[in-house]
Every structure is written in structure tokens, then in C-alpha cells.
Amino acid sequence: MINEIMGESKDKKGILINVEISPNAKKNEIGGINEWRKRLTIKIKAPPIDGKANKEIAKFFKKTFGKDITIVSGLTSSQKTICVIGATKDEIIDKILKNNI
């Protein structure tokens, strides 16, 4: 299932991950995999106002994966596709599994 939520970017500069953002959470964390939507659930403390949640997502991924991200699609949606720049699928899977997903 974990392979279904990600793929290589067209320019091969990173890994695309389909995510579903749950804002206003108690803490920033990976919540699991939504098997129905085929998305990685990310819980973010910030509210979805004035791009605050998007900024928090970038900080969270930098801390968790040690890589910068760009939001490829879904800037104003809870369902986004992000690109983890310079990452490999194995690195992403390893980090997700270390978060007990």
C-alpha cells in the first residue's frame, strides 16, 4: 500500500507523495495511510488560514525527512501532492515505517 501513495517526479529530482492534511491537530505527526484515498495522512498543528498549514507542512517534512519539499498540487486543498526534493523511495518508506505506520 505504501508504494501506491508515491512516485518519482517527472524531472527525477524527488519523490512525489500524495498526502491528506488534517489541520488544527494537537501535534505535528504522520497519522497513517488512508487506504481509500491512497494518501498519507499528516496531522498539522497550524490552521488552514493564510498558508500557515502549508508552511508548517514544509517545516514538518524538513524535520522528519531532512529534505525540502514543494507542494506540487492542492495549495488550497486538504489533499495535496508534495515533492520531497532529493529523496529516494527507500528513504521515504524507511522514515514512514519508523513512525510506526
Protein backbone atom coordinates (compact mmCIF):
# COMPACT_ATOMS: atom_id res chain seq x y z
CA MET A 1 0.00 0.00 0.00
CA ILE A 2 2.79 2.41 0.84
CA ASN A 3 4.14 2.29 -2.74
CA GLU A 4 0.74 3.39 -4.08
CA ILE A 5 0.93 6.80 -2.37
CA MET A 6 4.20 7.84 -4.00
CA GLY A 7 6.06 8.01 -7.29
CA GLU A 8 9.09 9.60 -8.89
CA SER A 9 8.76 13.17 -10.15
CA LYS A 10 8.88 13.71 -13.91
CA ASP A 11 12.15 15.64 -13.65
CA LYS A 12 13.54 12.88 -11.38
CA LYS A 13 14.57 15.43 -8.75
CA GLY A 14 12.47 13.95 -5.97
CA ILE A 15 9.66 11.72 -4.82
CA LEU A 16 6.00 12.70 -5.14
CA ILE A 17 3.79 11.79 -2.20
CA ASN A 18 0.01 12.08 -2.10
CA VAL A 19 -0.94 13.46 1.30
CA GLU A 20 -4.09 14.36 3.15
CA ILE A 21 -3.65 17.17 5.66
CA SER A 22 -5.55 17.31 8.93
CA PRO A 23 -5.02 20.86 10.31
CA ASN A 24 -5.58 22.09 13.88
CA ALA A 25 -4.13 18.89 15.36
CA LYS A 26 -2.63 18.59 18.84
CA LYS A 27 0.80 17.94 17.37
CA ASN A 28 2.54 17.53 14.02
CA GLU A 29 2.76 13.87 13.09
CA ILE A 30 2.22 11.24 10.43
CA GLY A 31 -1.24 9.86 11.10
CA GLY A 32 -1.21 6.79 8.86
CA ILE A 33 -2.27 5.81 5.39
CA ASN A 34 -5.79 6.48 4.16
CA GLU A 35 -6.22 3.32 2.09
CA TRP A 36 -9.44 4.50 0.47
CA ARG A 37 -7.94 7.76 -0.83
CA LYS A 38 -4.44 6.29 -1.21
CA ARG A 39 -2.89 9.17 0.69
CA LEU A 40 -0.54 9.60 3.64
CA THR A 41 -2.35 11.40 6.44
CA ILE A 42 -0.38 14.24 8.02
CA LYS A 43 -1.61 15.96 11.18
CA ILE A 44 -0.53 19.60 11.44
CA LYS A 45 -1.00 21.98 14.40
CA ALA A 46 -1.41 25.08 12.24
CA PRO A 47 -4.80 26.27 10.99
CA PRO A 48 -5.52 26.30 7.25
CA ILE A 49 -5.50 30.10 7.12
CA ASP A 50 -3.23 32.36 5.04
CA GLY A 51 -0.92 29.46 4.10
CA LYS A 52 0.03 28.72 7.72
CA ALA A 53 -0.66 24.99 7.36
CA ASN A 54 1.40 24.80 4.15
CA LYS A 55 4.35 26.47 5.88
CA GLU A 56 4.01 24.06 8.80
CA ILE A 57 3.93 21.10 6.39
CA ALA A 58 7.24 22.25 4.86
CA LYS A 59 8.83 22.57 8.33
CA PHE A 60 7.48 19.17 9.41
CA PHE A 61 8.84 17.38 6.32
CA LYS A 62 12.22 19.14 6.68
CA LYS A 63 12.43 17.90 10.27
CA THR A 64 11.09 14.39 9.58
CA PHE A 65 12.79 13.59 6.27
CA GLY A 66 15.70 16.03 6.36
CA LYS A 67 14.69 17.30 2.91
CA ASP A 68 12.96 20.33 1.46
CA ILE A 69 9.58 19.93 -0.21
CA THR A 70 7.47 21.72 -2.75
CA ILE A 71 3.71 21.49 -2.93
CA VAL A 72 3.01 20.35 -6.48
CA SER A 73 -0.78 20.45 -6.32
CA GLY A 74 -3.52 21.24 -3.82
CA LEU A 75 -2.25 24.50 -2.31
CA THR A 76 -5.73 25.35 -1.00
CA SER A 77 -6.96 21.78 -0.52
CA SER A 78 -6.51 19.26 2.28
CA GLN A 79 -5.48 16.74 -0.39
CA LYS A 80 -2.07 17.66 -1.75
CA THR A 81 0.75 16.20 -3.76
CA ILE A 82 4.17 17.14 -2.46
CA CYS A 83 7.61 16.55 -3.87
CA VAL A 84 10.36 15.63 -1.40
CA ILE A 85 13.40 17.05 -3.19
CA GLY A 86 16.45 14.83 -3.43
CA ALA A 87 14.81 11.87 -1.72
CA THR A 88 14.54 8.25 -2.81
CA LYS A 89 11.54 5.97 -2.36
CA ASP A 90 13.53 3.80 0.05
CA GLU A 91 14.38 6.80 2.25
CA ILE A 92 10.74 7.87 2.40
CA ILE A 93 9.45 4.37 3.13
CA ASP A 94 12.07 3.91 5.86
CA LYS A 95 11.09 7.18 7.59
CA ILE A 96 7.37 6.39 7.34
CA LEU A 97 7.88 2.92 8.80
CA LYS A 98 9.99 4.38 11.63
CA ASN A 99 6.94 6.48 12.51
CA ASN A 100 5.03 3.20 13.12
CA ILE A 101 2.79 3.44 10.07
